[in-house]
């Protein structure tokens, strides 16, 4: 039975291997939302820093005071997520592996995990499907609910924009 990939104490994941006896599989989490706006609008709100800072938080007691986005293959992104009471903050960032405008964004996070976001038109609305490797420090369900909460905030923000 395959076990989830575990990071070392330093937060680094082991180097990939082709040895089947040493291979492990990271737990993959998938979330989605149907945004009642066309894909061009959804893409813009997803990728522009001035919008990212408005939706990129899991709850109202958190916010995203800073975001940068060099949206191209090989480009980097970073978002600062912070508690509104200033008790805690962290940066979330990575490198874009693939950018297909209005269709797909794939990136590698700073800790080596991967994420893919697909944007699919559905009758004038846009389905956003995000799949990512779980990290080893928090329960999978906690990660799923946190990322889904952020996606739900994105949906509300995108639908509220003209």
N, C-alpha and C. Protein backbone atom coordinates (compact mmCIF):
# COMPACT_ATOMS: atom_id res chain seq x y z
N UNK A 1 0.84 -1.18 0.00
CA UNK A 1 0.00 0.00 0.00
C UNK A 1 0.88 1.24 0.00
N UNK A 2 0.57 2.21 -0.86
CA UNK A 2 1.34 3.43 -0.95
C UNK A 2 1.00 4.35 0.20
N UNK A 3 2.00 4.99 0.76
CA UNK A 3 1.83 5.93 1.86
C UNK A 3 1.98 7.34 1.31
N UNK A 4 1.31 8.33 1.93
CA UNK A 4 1.50 9.71 1.48
C UNK A 4 2.96 10.13 1.62
N UNK A 5 3.40 11.00 0.71
CA UNK A 5 4.75 11.53 0.74
C UNK A 5 4.92 12.40 1.98
N UNK A 6 6.00 12.21 2.71
CA UNK A 6 6.24 12.95 3.95
C UNK A 6 7.45 13.86 3.77
N UNK A 7 7.33 15.08 4.25
CA UNK A 7 8.45 16.01 4.22
C UNK A 7 9.38 15.72 5.39
N UNK A 8 10.64 16.05 5.23
CA UNK A 8 11.60 15.91 6.31
C UNK A 8 11.40 17.03 7.32
N UNK A 9 12.17 17.02 8.41
CA UNK A 9 12.05 18.06 9.43
C UNK A 9 12.26 19.45 8.85
N UNK A 10 13.10 19.58 7.85
CA UNK A 10 13.35 20.87 7.23
C UNK A 10 12.27 21.28 6.24
N UNK A 11 11.22 20.48 6.10
CA UNK A 11 10.12 20.81 5.20
C UNK A 11 10.37 20.43 3.75
N UNK A 12 11.49 19.77 3.48
CA UNK A 12 11.82 19.38 2.11
C UNK A 12 11.30 17.98 1.82
N UNK A 13 10.87 17.79 0.59
CA UNK A 13 10.41 16.48 0.17
C UNK A 13 11.60 15.72 -0.42
N UNK A 14 11.58 14.41 -0.33
CA UNK A 14 12.70 13.65 -0.89
C UNK A 14 12.77 13.82 -2.41
N UNK A 15 13.95 13.66 -2.93
CA UNK A 15 14.15 13.77 -4.38
C UNK A 15 13.38 12.66 -5.08
N UNK A 16 12.86 12.94 -6.29
CA UNK A 16 12.16 11.90 -7.04
C UNK A 16 13.07 10.70 -7.30
N UNK A 17 12.45 9.54 -7.44
CA UNK A 17 13.22 8.33 -7.71
C UNK A 17 12.49 7.48 -8.73
N UNK A 18 13.24 6.71 -9.48
CA UNK A 18 12.65 5.74 -10.42
C UNK A 18 12.66 4.34 -9.83
N UNK A 19 13.16 4.18 -8.63
CA UNK A 19 13.19 2.88 -7.97
C UNK A 19 11.79 2.59 -7.41
N UNK A 20 11.05 1.60 -7.96
CA UNK A 20 9.69 1.33 -7.51
C UNK A 20 9.61 0.93 -6.04
N UNK A 21 10.70 0.40 -5.46
CA UNK A 21 10.67 0.04 -4.05
C UNK A 21 10.72 1.26 -3.14
N UNK A 22 11.18 2.39 -3.68
CA UNK A 22 11.32 3.60 -2.88
C UNK A 22 10.27 4.66 -3.22
N UNK A 23 9.48 4.43 -4.25
CA UNK A 23 8.52 5.43 -4.70
C UNK A 23 7.34 5.53 -3.74
N UNK A 24 6.90 6.77 -3.51
CA UNK A 24 5.70 7.03 -2.73
C UNK A 24 4.81 7.96 -3.53
N UNK A 25 3.57 8.07 -3.15
CA UNK A 25 2.63 8.93 -3.84
C UNK A 25 2.06 9.93 -2.86
N UNK A 26 2.15 11.22 -3.19
CA UNK A 26 1.56 12.25 -2.36
C UNK A 26 0.04 12.16 -2.47
N UNK A 27 -0.65 12.48 -1.39
CA UNK A 27 -2.10 12.56 -1.43
C UNK A 27 -2.49 13.77 -2.27
N UNK A 28 -3.39 13.57 -3.22
CA UNK A 28 -3.84 14.65 -4.11
C UNK A 28 -5.23 15.07 -3.66
N UNK A 29 -5.45 16.37 -3.54
CA UNK A 29 -6.74 16.93 -3.14
C UNK A 29 -7.28 17.73 -4.31
N UNK A 30 -8.57 17.57 -4.59
CA UNK A 30 -9.23 18.31 -5.66
C UNK A 30 -10.45 19.04 -5.11
N UNK A 31 -10.55 20.31 -5.47
CA UNK A 31 -11.69 21.14 -5.09
C UNK A 31 -12.21 21.82 -6.35
N UNK A 32 -13.44 22.33 -6.31
CA UNK A 32 -13.97 23.02 -7.49
C UNK A 32 -15.09 23.98 -7.11
N UNK A 33 -15.36 24.87 -8.05
CA UNK A 33 -16.47 25.82 -7.91
C UNK A 33 -16.93 26.22 -9.31
N UNK A 34 -18.21 26.46 -9.44
CA UNK A 34 -18.78 26.99 -10.68
C UNK A 34 -19.01 28.48 -10.47
N UNK A 35 -18.28 29.30 -11.23
CA UNK A 35 -18.36 30.75 -11.11
C UNK A 35 -19.28 31.26 -12.21
N UNK A 36 -20.28 32.02 -11.84
CA UNK A 36 -21.27 32.50 -12.80
C UNK A 36 -20.78 33.74 -13.54
N UNK A 37 -19.67 33.58 -14.21
CA UNK A 37 -19.06 34.61 -15.05
C UNK A 37 -18.30 33.92 -16.18
N UNK A 38 -18.09 34.62 -17.31
CA UNK A 38 -17.33 34.02 -18.42
C UNK A 38 -15.87 33.78 -18.03
N UNK A 39 -15.24 32.86 -18.74
CA UNK A 39 -13.88 32.45 -18.41
C UNK A 39 -12.87 33.60 -18.47
N UNK A 40 -13.01 34.53 -19.40
CA UNK A 40 -12.06 35.65 -19.49
C UNK A 40 -12.11 36.49 -18.21
N UNK A 41 -13.30 36.72 -17.69
CA UNK A 41 -13.45 37.47 -16.44
C UNK A 41 -12.86 36.70 -15.27
N UNK A 42 -13.16 35.42 -15.18
CA UNK A 42 -12.67 34.57 -14.09
C UNK A 42 -11.13 34.54 -14.11
N UNK A 43 -10.55 34.39 -15.29
CA UNK A 43 -9.09 34.37 -15.42
C UNK A 43 -8.48 35.67 -14.90
N UNK A 44 -9.05 36.79 -15.30
CA UNK A 44 -8.55 38.10 -14.87
C UNK A 44 -8.59 38.23 -13.35
N UNK A 45 -9.71 37.88 -12.73
CA UNK A 45 -9.85 38.02 -11.28
C UNK A 45 -8.95 37.03 -10.55
N UNK A 46 -8.70 35.87 -11.13
CA UNK A 46 -7.81 34.87 -10.52
C UNK A 46 -6.35 35.31 -10.55
N UNK A 47 -5.95 36.02 -11.61
CA UNK A 47 -4.52 36.24 -11.86
C UNK A 47 -4.00 37.63 -11.53
N UNK A 48 -4.85 38.63 -11.40
CA UNK A 48 -4.37 39.99 -11.17
C UNK A 48 -4.20 40.27 -9.68
N UNK A 49 -3.00 40.72 -9.27
CA UNK A 49 -2.72 40.94 -7.84
C UNK A 49 -3.74 41.81 -7.12
N UNK A 50 -4.26 42.86 -7.80
CA UNK A 50 -5.24 43.72 -7.13
C UNK A 50 -6.54 42.97 -6.80
N UNK A 51 -6.83 41.91 -7.50
CA UNK A 51 -7.97 41.06 -7.16
C UNK A 51 -7.56 39.98 -6.15
N UNK A 52 -6.38 39.39 -6.34
CA UNK A 52 -5.93 38.32 -5.44
C UNK A 52 -5.97 38.80 -3.99
N UNK A 53 -5.56 40.03 -3.74
CA UNK A 53 -5.56 40.53 -2.37
C UNK A 53 -6.97 40.69 -1.80
N UNK A 54 -7.98 40.66 -2.66
CA UNK A 54 -9.36 40.81 -2.20
C UNK A 54 -10.03 39.48 -1.84
N UNK A 55 -9.53 38.36 -2.37
CA UNK A 55 -10.21 37.09 -2.13
C UNK A 55 -9.34 36.00 -1.51
N UNK A 56 -8.04 36.16 -1.48
CA UNK A 56 -7.14 35.07 -1.09
C UNK A 56 -6.99 34.94 0.43
N UNK A 57 -8.02 34.42 1.07
CA UNK A 57 -8.01 34.13 2.50
C UNK A 57 -9.10 33.10 2.77
N UNK A 58 -8.89 32.26 3.76
CA UNK A 58 -9.86 31.19 4.05
C UNK A 58 -11.03 31.65 4.91
N UNK A 59 -10.86 32.76 5.64
CA UNK A 59 -11.93 33.24 6.52
C UNK A 59 -11.80 34.75 6.70
N UNK A 60 -12.84 35.37 7.27
CA UNK A 60 -12.86 36.82 7.42
C UNK A 60 -11.82 37.34 8.39
N UNK A 61 -11.28 36.49 9.27
CA UNK A 61 -10.27 36.95 10.22
C UNK A 61 -8.85 36.87 9.63
N UNK A 62 -8.75 36.51 8.36
CA UNK A 62 -7.49 36.51 7.63
C UNK A 62 -7.63 37.42 6.42
N UNK A 63 -6.49 37.85 5.88
CA UNK A 63 -6.51 38.64 4.64
C UNK A 63 -5.19 38.43 3.90
N UNK A 64 -5.13 38.99 2.71
CA UNK A 64 -3.95 38.88 1.84
C UNK A 64 -3.48 40.30 1.54
N UNK A 65 -2.60 40.85 2.40
CA UNK A 65 -2.19 42.24 2.21
C UNK A 65 -1.28 42.48 1.01
N UNK A 66 -0.65 41.42 0.48
CA UNK A 66 0.31 41.61 -0.61
C UNK A 66 0.28 40.41 -1.54
N UNK A 67 0.32 40.67 -2.85
CA UNK A 67 0.39 39.60 -3.85
C UNK A 67 1.18 40.09 -5.05
N UNK A 68 1.95 39.19 -5.64
CA UNK A 68 2.65 39.47 -6.90
C UNK A 68 2.48 38.26 -7.80
N UNK A 69 2.50 38.51 -9.10
CA UNK A 69 2.20 37.43 -10.04
C UNK A 69 2.86 37.71 -11.38
N UNK A 70 3.89 36.94 -11.73
CA UNK A 70 4.54 37.01 -13.03
C UNK A 70 4.01 35.83 -13.83
N UNK A 71 2.82 36.01 -14.41
CA UNK A 71 2.05 34.92 -15.00
C UNK A 71 2.59 34.50 -16.36
N UNK A 72 3.60 33.64 -16.31
CA UNK A 72 4.19 33.05 -17.52
C UNK A 72 4.92 31.79 -17.07
N UNK A 73 5.12 30.85 -17.97
CA UNK A 73 5.88 29.67 -17.65
C UNK A 73 7.28 30.10 -17.20
N UNK A 74 7.67 29.66 -16.00
CA UNK A 74 8.93 30.06 -15.41
C UNK A 74 8.82 31.28 -14.51
N UNK A 75 7.69 31.97 -14.56
CA UNK A 75 7.46 33.13 -13.70
C UNK A 75 7.15 32.70 -12.28
N UNK A 76 7.21 33.65 -11.37
CA UNK A 76 6.96 33.35 -9.96
C UNK A 76 5.73 34.10 -9.47
N UNK A 77 5.20 33.63 -8.34
CA UNK A 77 4.10 34.30 -7.67
C UNK A 77 4.33 34.22 -6.17
N UNK A 78 3.72 35.15 -5.46
CA UNK A 78 3.80 35.15 -4.00
C UNK A 78 2.59 35.89 -3.45
N UNK A 79 2.04 35.36 -2.37
CA UNK A 79 0.95 36.00 -1.64
C UNK A 79 1.29 35.95 -0.16
N UNK A 80 1.07 37.05 0.52
CA UNK A 80 1.21 37.07 1.97
C UNK A 80 -0.16 36.86 2.57
N UNK A 81 -0.29 35.85 3.40
CA UNK A 81 -1.55 35.59 4.10
C UNK A 81 -1.32 35.94 5.56
N UNK A 82 -2.22 36.73 6.13
CA UNK A 82 -2.00 37.23 7.48
C UNK A 82 -3.29 37.26 8.28
N UNK A 83 -3.17 36.99 9.57
CA UNK A 83 -4.30 37.15 10.48
C UNK A 83 -4.57 38.64 10.61
N UNK A 84 -5.82 39.03 10.62
CA UNK A 84 -6.17 40.46 10.70
C UNK A 84 -5.71 41.09 12.01
N UNK A 85 -5.55 40.27 13.06
CA UNK A 85 -5.07 40.81 14.34
C UNK A 85 -3.54 40.87 14.41
N UNK A 86 -2.87 40.59 13.30
CA UNK A 86 -1.40 40.63 13.18
C UNK A 86 -0.68 39.59 14.04
N UNK A 87 -1.39 38.54 14.47
CA UNK A 87 -0.76 37.53 15.32
C UNK A 87 0.08 36.52 14.53
N UNK A 88 -0.17 36.41 13.21
CA UNK A 88 0.55 35.43 12.42
C UNK A 88 0.43 35.80 10.95
N UNK A 89 1.49 35.52 10.18
CA UNK A 89 1.42 35.67 8.72
C UNK A 89 2.42 34.71 8.08
N UNK A 90 2.20 34.42 6.82
CA UNK A 90 3.14 33.59 6.07
C UNK A 90 3.03 33.92 4.59
N UNK A 91 4.10 33.64 3.88
CA UNK A 91 4.11 33.84 2.43
C UNK A 91 3.88 32.50 1.75
N UNK A 92 3.07 32.53 0.71
CA UNK A 92 2.76 31.35 -0.09
C UNK A 92 3.20 31.69 -1.51
N UNK A 93 4.09 30.88 -2.07
CA UNK A 93 4.57 31.21 -3.41
C UNK A 93 5.09 30.01 -4.15
N UNK A 94 5.52 30.27 -5.37
CA UNK A 94 6.05 29.20 -6.19
C UNK A 94 6.41 29.68 -7.58
N UNK A 95 6.59 28.70 -8.47
CA UNK A 95 7.01 28.95 -9.85
C UNK A 95 5.99 28.31 -10.79
N UNK A 96 5.60 29.05 -11.82
CA UNK A 96 4.65 28.53 -12.81
C UNK A 96 5.35 27.53 -13.74
N UNK A 97 4.78 26.34 -13.83
CA UNK A 97 5.30 25.30 -14.73
C UNK A 97 4.64 25.37 -16.10
N UNK A 98 3.38 25.83 -16.14
CA UNK A 98 2.64 25.90 -17.40
C UNK A 98 1.53 26.93 -17.24
N UNK A 99 1.42 27.81 -18.21
CA UNK A 99 0.34 28.81 -18.23
C UNK A 99 -0.29 28.77 -19.61
N UNK A 100 -1.56 28.40 -19.68
CA UNK A 100 -2.33 28.40 -20.91
C UNK A 100 -3.50 29.35 -20.67
N UNK A 101 -3.42 30.60 -21.14
CA UNK A 101 -4.44 31.59 -20.83
C UNK A 101 -5.87 31.09 -21.01
N UNK A 102 -6.67 31.37 -20.00
CA UNK A 102 -8.09 31.04 -19.94
C UNK A 102 -8.35 29.54 -19.86
N UNK A 103 -7.30 28.71 -19.67
CA UNK A 103 -7.48 27.26 -19.64
C UNK A 103 -6.81 26.59 -18.46
N UNK A 104 -5.52 26.85 -18.24
CA UNK A 104 -4.76 26.03 -17.26
C UNK A 104 -3.61 26.82 -16.66
N UNK A 105 -3.43 26.62 -15.36
CA UNK A 105 -2.25 27.10 -14.66
C UNK A 105 -1.72 25.92 -13.86
N UNK A 106 -0.44 25.62 -14.01
CA UNK A 106 0.21 24.58 -13.20
C UNK A 106 1.43 25.23 -12.56
N UNK A 107 1.64 24.92 -11.28
CA UNK A 107 2.78 25.50 -10.59
C UNK A 107 3.35 24.55 -9.56
N UNK A 108 4.59 24.82 -9.19
CA UNK A 108 5.25 24.11 -8.10
C UNK A 108 5.39 25.09 -6.95
N UNK A 109 4.91 24.68 -5.79
CA UNK A 109 4.99 25.51 -4.59
C UNK A 109 6.41 25.52 -4.06
N UNK A 110 6.70 26.45 -3.19
CA UNK A 110 8.03 26.60 -2.62
C UNK A 110 8.53 25.35 -1.92
N UNK A 111 7.62 24.51 -1.41
CA UNK A 111 8.03 23.28 -0.71
C UNK A 111 8.11 22.07 -1.64
N UNK A 112 7.92 22.29 -2.96
CA UNK A 112 8.05 21.20 -3.93
C UNK A 112 6.75 20.53 -4.33
N UNK A 113 5.65 20.86 -3.66
CA UNK A 113 4.37 20.26 -4.04
C UNK A 113 3.85 20.91 -5.32
N UNK A 114 2.97 20.21 -6.03
CA UNK A 114 2.44 20.74 -7.29
C UNK A 114 0.96 21.05 -7.17
N UNK A 115 0.50 21.93 -8.07
CA UNK A 115 -0.90 22.32 -8.13
C UNK A 115 -1.26 22.57 -9.59
N UNK A 116 -2.48 22.22 -9.95
CA UNK A 116 -3.00 22.48 -11.29
C UNK A 116 -4.39 23.08 -11.14
N UNK A 117 -4.65 24.16 -11.88
CA UNK A 117 -5.96 24.80 -11.90
C UNK A 117 -6.46 24.79 -13.33
N UNK A 118 -7.66 24.26 -13.51
CA UNK A 118 -8.29 24.21 -14.83
C UNK A 118 -9.49 25.15 -14.86
N UNK A 119 -9.64 25.88 -15.95
CA UNK A 119 -10.74 26.81 -16.15
C UNK A 119 -11.52 26.30 -17.36
N UNK A 120 -12.77 25.90 -17.16
CA UNK A 120 -13.56 25.31 -18.24
C UNK A 120 -14.90 26.03 -18.36
N UNK A 121 -15.21 26.48 -19.57
CA UNK A 121 -16.48 27.15 -19.82
C UNK A 121 -17.62 26.15 -19.74
N UNK A 122 -18.68 26.52 -19.02
CA UNK A 122 -19.90 25.70 -18.92
C UNK A 122 -21.11 26.62 -19.05
N UNK A 123 -21.67 26.70 -20.25
CA UNK A 123 -22.89 27.47 -20.50
C UNK A 123 -22.79 28.92 -20.02
N UNK A 124 -21.71 29.58 -20.35
CA UNK A 124 -21.53 30.97 -19.97
C UNK A 124 -20.92 31.18 -18.59
N UNK A 125 -20.81 30.12 -17.82
CA UNK A 125 -20.15 30.17 -16.51
C UNK A 125 -18.80 29.49 -16.64
N UNK A 126 -18.02 29.49 -15.57
CA UNK A 126 -16.69 28.89 -15.61
C UNK A 126 -16.51 27.94 -14.44
N UNK A 127 -16.16 26.70 -14.76
CA UNK A 127 -15.82 25.71 -13.74
C UNK A 127 -14.33 25.87 -13.44
N UNK A 128 -14.00 26.08 -12.17
CA UNK A 128 -12.62 26.15 -11.72
C UNK A 128 -12.35 24.89 -10.90
N UNK A 129 -11.39 24.08 -11.36
CA UNK A 129 -11.02 22.85 -10.66
C UNK A 129 -9.55 22.97 -10.28
N UNK A 130 -9.29 22.83 -8.99
CA UNK A 130 -7.94 22.98 -8.46
C UNK A 130 -7.53 21.66 -7.81
N UNK A 131 -6.41 21.09 -8.26
CA UNK A 131 -5.88 19.85 -7.69
C UNK A 131 -4.47 20.12 -7.19
N UNK A 132 -4.19 19.68 -5.97
CA UNK A 132 -2.88 19.96 -5.39
C UNK A 132 -2.43 18.82 -4.49
N UNK A 133 -1.11 18.73 -4.31
CA UNK A 133 -0.53 17.74 -3.40
C UNK A 133 -0.72 18.23 -1.98
N UNK A 134 -1.22 17.35 -1.12
CA UNK A 134 -1.36 17.69 0.29
C UNK A 134 0.01 17.82 0.93
N UNK A 135 0.10 18.66 1.96
CA UNK A 135 1.34 18.74 2.74
C UNK A 135 1.20 17.77 3.92
N UNK A 136 2.30 17.51 4.58
CA UNK A 136 2.34 16.46 5.60
C UNK A 136 2.02 16.96 7.01
N UNK A 137 1.96 18.27 7.23
CA UNK A 137 1.80 18.77 8.59
C UNK A 137 0.36 18.83 9.09
N UNK A 138 -0.61 18.95 8.19
CA UNK A 138 -2.01 19.11 8.59
C UNK A 138 -2.87 18.02 7.98
N UNK A 139 -3.98 17.67 8.64
CA UNK A 139 -4.87 16.63 8.10
C UNK A 139 -5.40 17.01 6.72
N UNK A 140 -5.58 16.01 5.87
CA UNK A 140 -6.05 16.23 4.50
C UNK A 140 -7.38 16.98 4.50
N UNK A 141 -8.31 16.61 5.35
CA UNK A 141 -9.62 17.26 5.35
C UNK A 141 -9.51 18.74 5.74
N UNK A 142 -8.59 19.07 6.63
CA UNK A 142 -8.37 20.46 7.00
C UNK A 142 -7.85 21.25 5.81
N UNK A 143 -6.93 20.65 5.06
CA UNK A 143 -6.40 21.30 3.86
C UNK A 143 -7.49 21.48 2.82
N UNK A 144 -8.28 20.43 2.59
CA UNK A 144 -9.37 20.49 1.61
C UNK A 144 -10.34 21.62 1.97
N UNK A 145 -10.75 21.68 3.22
CA UNK A 145 -11.74 22.69 3.62
C UNK A 145 -11.13 24.10 3.56
N UNK A 146 -9.86 24.26 3.90
CA UNK A 146 -9.22 25.57 3.83
C UNK A 146 -9.10 26.07 2.40
N UNK A 147 -8.62 25.21 1.50
CA UNK A 147 -8.49 25.61 0.09
C UNK A 147 -9.86 25.83 -0.53
N UNK A 148 -10.87 25.02 -0.15
CA UNK A 148 -12.22 25.22 -0.68
C UNK A 148 -12.79 26.55 -0.19
N UNK A 149 -12.52 26.91 1.05
CA UNK A 149 -12.99 28.20 1.58
C UNK A 149 -12.40 29.36 0.77
N UNK A 150 -11.11 29.25 0.43
CA UNK A 150 -10.49 30.29 -0.39
C UNK A 150 -11.14 30.34 -1.78
N UNK A 151 -11.37 29.18 -2.37
CA UNK A 151 -12.02 29.12 -3.69
C UNK A 151 -13.44 29.68 -3.62
N UNK A 152 -14.15 29.42 -2.55
CA UNK A 152 -15.51 29.96 -2.39
C UNK A 152 -15.48 31.48 -2.27
N UNK A 153 -14.47 32.01 -1.55
CA UNK A 153 -14.32 33.47 -1.47
C UNK A 153 -13.99 34.05 -2.85
N UNK A 154 -13.14 33.33 -3.61
CA UNK A 154 -12.84 33.76 -4.97
C UNK A 154 -14.12 33.85 -5.79
N UNK A 155 -14.94 32.81 -5.73
CA UNK A 155 -16.21 32.78 -6.48
C UNK A 155 -17.07 33.99 -6.14
N UNK A 156 -17.23 34.27 -4.84
CA UNK A 156 -18.06 35.41 -4.43
C UNK A 156 -17.47 36.73 -4.96
N UNK A 157 -16.15 36.88 -4.84
CA UNK A 157 -15.51 38.10 -5.32
C UNK A 157 -15.66 38.23 -6.85
N UNK A 158 -15.39 37.17 -7.57
CA UNK A 158 -15.47 37.22 -9.05
C UNK A 158 -16.89 37.54 -9.51
N UNK A 159 -17.87 36.94 -8.87
CA UNK A 159 -19.26 37.18 -9.27
C UNK A 159 -19.73 38.59 -8.92
N UNK A 160 -19.12 39.22 -7.93
CA UNK A 160 -19.49 40.57 -7.51
C UNK A 160 -18.88 41.65 -8.39
N UNK A 161 -17.87 41.28 -9.19
CA UNK A 161 -17.18 42.24 -10.06
C UNK A 161 -17.94 42.39 -11.37
N UNK A 162 -17.97 43.64 -11.87
CA UNK A 162 -18.68 43.92 -13.14
C UNK A 162 -17.98 43.29 -14.31
